[in-house]
Every structure is written in C-alpha cells, then in structure tokens.
Protein backbone atom coordinates (compact mmCIF):
# COMPACT_ATOMS: atom_id res chain seq x y z
CA MET A 1 -6.24 13.22 9.91
CA LYS A 2 -5.72 10.60 12.91
CA ILE A 3 -7.20 13.60 15.09
CA ILE A 4 -10.50 14.22 13.71
CA GLY A 5 -10.95 10.23 13.45
CA VAL A 6 -10.17 9.27 9.79
CA ASP A 7 -9.36 5.54 9.30
CA ASN A 8 -5.97 4.22 8.57
CA TRP A 9 -7.11 2.12 5.81
CA LEU A 10 -9.19 5.34 4.25
CA HIS A 11 -5.94 7.16 4.02
CA TRP A 12 -4.28 4.40 2.27
CA VAL A 13 -6.85 3.94 -0.21
CA ALA A 14 -7.10 7.70 -0.94
CA TRP A 15 -3.28 7.56 -1.92
CA PHE A 16 -3.55 4.38 -3.72
CA ILE A 17 -6.45 5.65 -5.98
CA GLN A 18 -4.59 9.06 -6.90
CA SER A 19 -1.28 7.38 -7.66
CA PHE A 20 -2.90 4.83 -9.75
CA ILE A 21 -4.92 7.01 -11.71
CA ILE A 22 -2.09 9.16 -12.37
CA CYS A 23 0.32 6.07 -13.28
CA LEU A 24 -2.58 4.72 -15.30
CA ILE A 25 -2.79 7.41 -17.72
CA CYS A 26 0.80 7.08 -18.12
CA ILE A 27 0.76 3.35 -18.90
CA ILE A 28 -2.15 4.04 -21.52
CA MET A 29 -0.09 6.61 -23.32
CA MET A 30 2.90 4.37 -23.10
CA THR A 31 1.03 1.43 -24.33
CA ILE A 32 -0.50 3.22 -27.31
CA MET A 33 2.93 4.80 -28.23
CA PHE A 34 4.73 1.36 -28.04
CA THR A 35 2.17 -0.75 -29.77
CA ILE A 36 0.62 1.35 -32.34
CA LYS A 37 2.60 2.21 -35.50
CA PHE A 38 2.54 6.06 -36.24
CA ASN A 39 5.02 6.11 -39.05
CA ASP A 40 7.10 3.94 -41.62
CA HIS A 41 9.48 3.08 -38.60
CA GLY A 42 7.53 0.67 -37.43
CA LYS A 43 6.16 0.05 -33.76
CA VAL A 44 8.56 -0.36 -30.75
CA ILE A 45 6.69 -3.47 -29.89
CA ASN A 46 6.04 -4.98 -33.05
CA LYS A 47 4.98 -8.72 -32.19
CA SER A 48 3.68 -8.76 -28.64
CA ALA A 49 0.13 -8.56 -27.80
CA PRO A 50 -0.81 -4.95 -26.56
CA THR A 51 -2.73 -6.31 -23.89
CA VAL A 52 -0.05 -8.50 -22.10
CA PHE A 53 2.34 -5.39 -22.38
CA PHE A 54 -0.38 -3.14 -20.86
CA VAL A 55 -0.87 -5.80 -18.01
CA PHE A 56 2.78 -6.03 -17.51
CA LEU A 57 3.22 -2.21 -16.89
CA LEU A 58 -0.32 -2.18 -14.83
CA LEU A 59 1.25 -4.76 -12.47
CA TYR A 60 4.35 -2.88 -12.38
CA ILE A 61 2.64 0.31 -11.18
CA ILE A 62 0.73 -1.41 -8.65
CA SER A 63 3.68 -3.18 -7.31
CA GLY A 64 5.71 0.39 -7.24
CA ILE A 65 3.08 1.99 -5.22
CA MET A 66 2.48 -0.87 -2.48
CA PHE A 67 6.49 -0.49 -2.57
CA CYS A 68 6.43 3.20 -1.98
CA PHE A 69 3.89 2.78 0.73
CA PHE A 70 5.97 0.46 2.46
CA LEU A 71 9.19 2.92 2.38
CA SER A 72 6.90 5.78 3.65
CA THR A 73 6.48 4.01 7.03
CA PHE A 74 9.87 4.32 7.91
CA PHE A 75 9.65 8.21 7.66
CA SER A 76 8.02 10.26 10.20
CA LYS A 77 8.09 13.62 8.05
CA ALA A 78 6.88 14.18 4.34
CA SER A 79 9.97 16.00 3.28
CA THR A 80 12.48 13.63 4.54
CA ALA A 81 10.03 10.70 3.03
CA ALA A 82 9.78 12.25 -0.30
CA ALA A 83 13.83 12.83 -0.57
CA GLY A 84 14.75 9.27 1.23
CA GLY A 85 11.98 7.31 -0.74
CA GLY A 86 13.28 8.73 -3.94
CA ILE A 87 17.02 7.83 -3.46
CA ILE A 88 15.97 4.07 -2.38
CA TRP A 89 13.48 3.74 -5.33
CA TYR A 90 16.36 4.85 -7.89
CA VAL A 91 19.05 2.69 -5.75
CA THR A 92 17.03 -0.28 -6.50
CA PHE A 93 17.26 0.08 -10.13
CA ILE A 94 21.18 -0.15 -10.25
CA PRO A 95 21.47 -3.82 -9.86
CA PHE A 96 19.97 -4.14 -13.37
CA PHE A 97 22.97 -2.82 -14.67
CA PHE A 98 24.82 -6.04 -13.82
CA ILE A 99 22.12 -8.14 -15.18
CA PRO A 100 21.97 -8.16 -18.87
CA GLN A 101 25.55 -9.48 -19.26
CA ASN A 102 24.94 -12.07 -16.31
CA TYR A 103 21.21 -13.15 -17.37
CA GLU A 104 22.20 -16.46 -19.25
CA GLU A 105 24.22 -17.56 -15.71
CA MET A 106 21.28 -16.41 -13.36
CA SER A 107 19.05 -19.16 -11.95
CA LEU A 108 15.56 -19.46 -12.15
CA SER A 109 15.15 -18.89 -8.41
CA LEU A 110 17.46 -15.71 -8.88
CA LYS A 111 15.83 -14.24 -11.34
CA SER A 112 12.21 -14.91 -9.82
CA ALA A 113 13.43 -13.57 -6.26
CA SER A 114 15.07 -10.42 -7.91
CA CYS A 115 11.32 -9.68 -9.49
CA LEU A 116 10.28 -9.16 -5.66
CA ILE A 117 11.87 -5.16 -6.11
CA PRO A 118 9.65 -3.57 -8.39
CA ASN A 119 12.22 -2.17 -10.66
CA LEU A 120 14.03 -5.22 -11.32
CA GLY A 121 11.00 -7.27 -12.09
CA MET A 122 10.30 -4.46 -14.65
CA ALA A 123 13.61 -4.80 -15.99
CA LEU A 124 13.50 -8.60 -16.18
CA GLY A 125 10.13 -8.38 -18.05
CA SER A 126 11.38 -6.01 -20.19
CA ILE A 127 14.44 -8.64 -21.07
CA VAL A 128 12.03 -11.02 -21.70
CA ILE A 129 9.78 -8.99 -24.09
CA GLY A 130 13.04 -8.09 -26.12
CA LYS A 131 13.99 -11.59 -26.27
CA PHE A 132 10.63 -12.68 -27.59
CA GLU A 133 10.43 -9.51 -30.18
CA GLY A 134 13.91 -11.09 -31.48
CA THR A 135 12.53 -14.31 -32.17
CA ASP A 136 9.77 -12.60 -34.10
CA ILE A 137 7.27 -14.35 -32.18
CA GLY A 138 6.54 -11.79 -29.54
CA VAL A 139 4.73 -12.83 -26.21
CA HIS A 140 0.92 -13.44 -26.49
CA TRP A 141 -1.21 -14.90 -23.44
CA ASP A 142 -0.95 -18.61 -25.09
CA ASN A 143 3.01 -18.18 -24.56
CA LEU A 144 3.05 -16.35 -21.19
CA SER A 145 4.36 -19.19 -19.23
CA LYS A 146 7.28 -20.24 -22.03
CA GLY A 147 10.85 -19.01 -22.14
CA ALA A 148 11.81 -16.93 -25.10
CA SER A 149 14.31 -20.17 -25.96
CA VAL A 150 14.65 -23.67 -25.22
CA ASP A 151 17.68 -22.87 -22.61
CA ASP A 152 15.81 -20.09 -20.91
CA ASP A 153 13.19 -21.38 -18.72
CA PHE A 154 12.44 -17.74 -17.26
CA CYS A 155 8.84 -16.44 -18.57
CA LEU A 156 6.78 -13.30 -18.45
CA GLY A 157 4.21 -15.14 -16.69
CA THR A 158 6.65 -15.58 -13.64
CA VAL A 159 7.24 -11.58 -13.72
CA PHE A 160 3.44 -11.43 -13.56
CA ILE A 161 3.14 -13.87 -10.54
CA MET A 162 5.89 -12.41 -8.59
CA MET A 163 4.55 -8.91 -9.13
CA ILE A 164 1.33 -9.96 -7.54
CA ILE A 165 3.27 -11.35 -4.91
CA ASN A 166 5.23 -8.55 -3.72
CA SER A 167 2.24 -5.97 -3.74
CA ILE A 168 0.75 -8.19 -1.57
CA MET A 169 3.80 -8.57 0.78
CA TYR A 170 4.49 -4.73 0.98
CA GLY A 171 0.86 -4.00 1.49
CA PHE A 172 1.06 -6.51 4.43
CA LEU A 173 4.49 -4.96 5.76
CA THR A 174 2.78 -1.33 5.51
CA TRP A 175 -0.15 -2.54 7.34
CA TYR A 176 1.73 -4.01 9.88
CA ILE A 177 4.58 -1.71 10.32
CA GLU A 178 2.03 1.09 10.51
CA ASN A 179 0.34 -0.64 13.59
CA VAL A 180 3.28 -1.63 15.22
CA PHE A 181 5.19 2.00 14.81
CA PRO A 182 2.36 4.07 14.08
CA GLY A 183 4.81 7.40 14.61
CA GLU A 184 4.23 10.68 16.67
CA PHE A 185 0.46 10.58 16.29
CA GLY A 186 -0.62 7.09 16.77
CA THR A 187 -0.70 4.43 19.66
CA PRO A 188 1.21 1.47 18.76
CA LEU A 189 -0.09 -2.26 19.10
CA PRO A 190 1.85 -5.16 20.30
CA TRP A 191 3.63 -7.14 17.54
CA TYR A 192 1.10 -9.99 17.84
CA PHE A 193 -1.91 -7.83 17.24
CA PRO A 194 -3.08 -9.47 14.13
CA VAL A 195 -3.56 -12.74 16.20
CA THR A 196 -5.58 -10.91 19.02
CA ARG A 197 -9.23 -11.24 18.99
CA SER A 198 -9.86 -7.52 20.14
CA TYR A 199 -8.08 -5.96 17.01
CA TRP A 200 -10.73 -7.70 14.60
CA CYS A 201 -13.83 -7.95 16.82
CA GLY A 202 -13.40 -4.83 19.11
CA SER A 203 -14.41 -5.00 22.69
CA PHE A 204 -16.41 -2.60 25.07
CA LYS A 205 -16.63 -2.71 28.72
CA LYS A 206 -19.67 -0.81 30.43
CA VAL A 207 -18.26 2.08 32.78
CA THR A 208 -19.89 1.61 36.08
CA THR A 209 -19.69 4.15 38.74
CA ASP A 210 -18.63 3.09 42.25
CA ASP A 211 -20.87 3.71 45.45
CA GLU A 212 -18.81 6.47 46.68
CA THR A 213 -18.97 8.52 43.35
CA MET A 214 -22.49 8.13 42.70
CA PRO A 215 -23.92 9.93 45.48
CA LEU A 216 -21.52 12.91 45.10
CA LEU A 217 -22.56 12.96 41.31
CA ASN A 218 -26.24 13.08 42.38
CA ALA A 219 -25.62 15.74 44.71
CA GLN A 220 -24.16 17.95 42.40
CA GLN A 221 -27.00 17.61 39.76
CA GLU A 222 -29.47 18.22 42.50
CA LYS A 223 -27.70 21.29 44.06
CA PRO A 224 -24.95 22.91 42.01
CA SER A 225 -21.94 24.52 43.73
CA GLU A 226 -20.28 27.91 42.94
CA LYS A 227 -17.75 25.75 40.98
CA PHE A 228 -20.50 24.66 38.69
CA GLU A 229 -22.54 26.97 36.39
CA LYS A 230 -26.35 26.78 36.67
CA ASP A 231 -28.39 25.71 33.93
CA PRO A 232 -30.26 28.38 32.16
CA GLU A 233 -33.82 28.59 32.82
CA GLY A 234 -36.31 28.98 29.94
CA LEU A 235 -34.21 28.08 27.14
CA ASP A 236 -34.12 25.01 24.87
CA VAL A 237 -31.38 22.78 24.92
CA GLY A 238 -28.97 22.60 22.15
CA ILE A 239 -26.72 20.03 22.46
CA ASN A 240 -27.17 17.38 25.58
CA ILE A 241 -24.35 15.13 26.31
CA LYS A 242 -24.83 11.89 28.08
CA ASN A 243 -22.72 9.05 29.22
CA LEU A 244 -19.33 10.45 27.02
CA VAL A 245 -16.72 7.84 26.89
CA LYS A 246 -13.40 7.38 25.01
CA ILE A 247 -11.99 4.11 24.00
CA TYR A 248 -8.42 3.17 24.61
CA HIS A 249 -7.66 -0.14 22.91
CA GLY A 250 -10.87 -1.87 24.57
CA GLU A 251 -10.57 -0.02 27.85
CA THR A 252 -12.88 2.87 28.65
CA GLY A 253 -13.20 5.65 30.70
CA LYS A 254 -15.00 8.84 31.38
C-alpha cells in the first residue's frame, strides 16, 4: 500500500475502524448479558449503571487496540507480529494474579500506573466495580470519583482517565516509531522530525536545468537520434507527460 501511495494515517485508521467495530459488537453483547436480568438468578452487574459499565469496556477496547498498534511497530512480518503480539498481550495480564491479595497494600500511584497497561486497567476496574457491587450501591456517574470504601481512594474514574491517557500515549508512540523505524518499505525520518517544519508544512524546490543540459534537451526534441523513437504522425496524443518529478523529503529531481 505504501508503494501505491496510500498514506500511513489511512492505513492505521482503516485498521482501527475494523478492529473497533468488531470489539464494539462484543462489548454491546457483554453489556446486555451482564446488566440485564434473563432469569431468576439475577444480573451479574446488579447495582451499577449499565452505561458506566459500557463506557468502561469501550475505553478498554480503545486502549487495547492502540496498545496492539504499538506492539505491531516492532515486527516486520504479519505472522511474527500475530504470534509475538499475542504472547505479549497475554503476558501483560499475568501481574493481575498477584494484585487481588496485594490490592489493599498498593498505593494509589501504583494502581494508577498499572492502568497504563490495558489488561491491568481492565482488571483493576473490575475489582472496583466488584467492590461497589458488594456494598449494594454500585458504580454510577455521581460516585465515579469515589472509592468503594473510606479506606480505598482508588476509583473507577481514575481507571477511565488512565485508559484515555494510555490510548493517547500508545497512539503517539506508534506514530513516532512508524516514522523513525518504518521497516523495509519505508524511508526513516530523523528522530527529531516532529519539531521540523518540513514534516508539517512540506517543502518543494523548483527544478531548474543548467545551461549545459538545456541545449542538449532542445536538440533532442528538435532532431531525435537513433536512440530515441520518433513521435508518430497523424495520431492524437493519449498521454502527455511534462515536467515529471519525484520528491524525496523535500528534495526534487527528474
């Protein structure tokens, strides 16, 4: 797609939309199954607002997609990325097995920093929702910034904020690494490219022909040699190309 001139941002947006739609269908089904009563056994999420639970899952899939985009920049082949990215994705969930028994001893900053990893943010958010369900109150928009108890200052609102932050962070890292290390089929930019004017505004230098080359070109146009095919006579021009140039990072050449 790079060869045919597709911009990188179109490539990433297309993948994001495809992944987001697939995940969105899943979380809609999950929200319905978790928050709606289907039988006499009750609901899984009994007291919390369904919209809060849905937004929680929505932010999780967005941060997860951006995290996977970030991982993909370290691989050059799709098969390797699928295997390596999948392993890394599940490895990031392993620390959660040590969180429940140490949750009370963890500081607010440590819990918040853990949310920078999407799977840990999902796990910690689930713990908060479970604690609120245990108090028979549930998580609602009016208590989103409150802890489940007076001894717990970690809230679901913090999880929301950290998921938004890590989505932006992984998106920025993906954009930066993709430009500095584009792989086999790209041209790397300098590490300081975000602060260069040419990257944001572009540049174009007019191609000029020196005095020695111009007479030769004129002579070739007026009198073709045996190395140049003569123009057909009596036919209409189908394609007429003039002043064809190719730009390499602002430098032009014929």
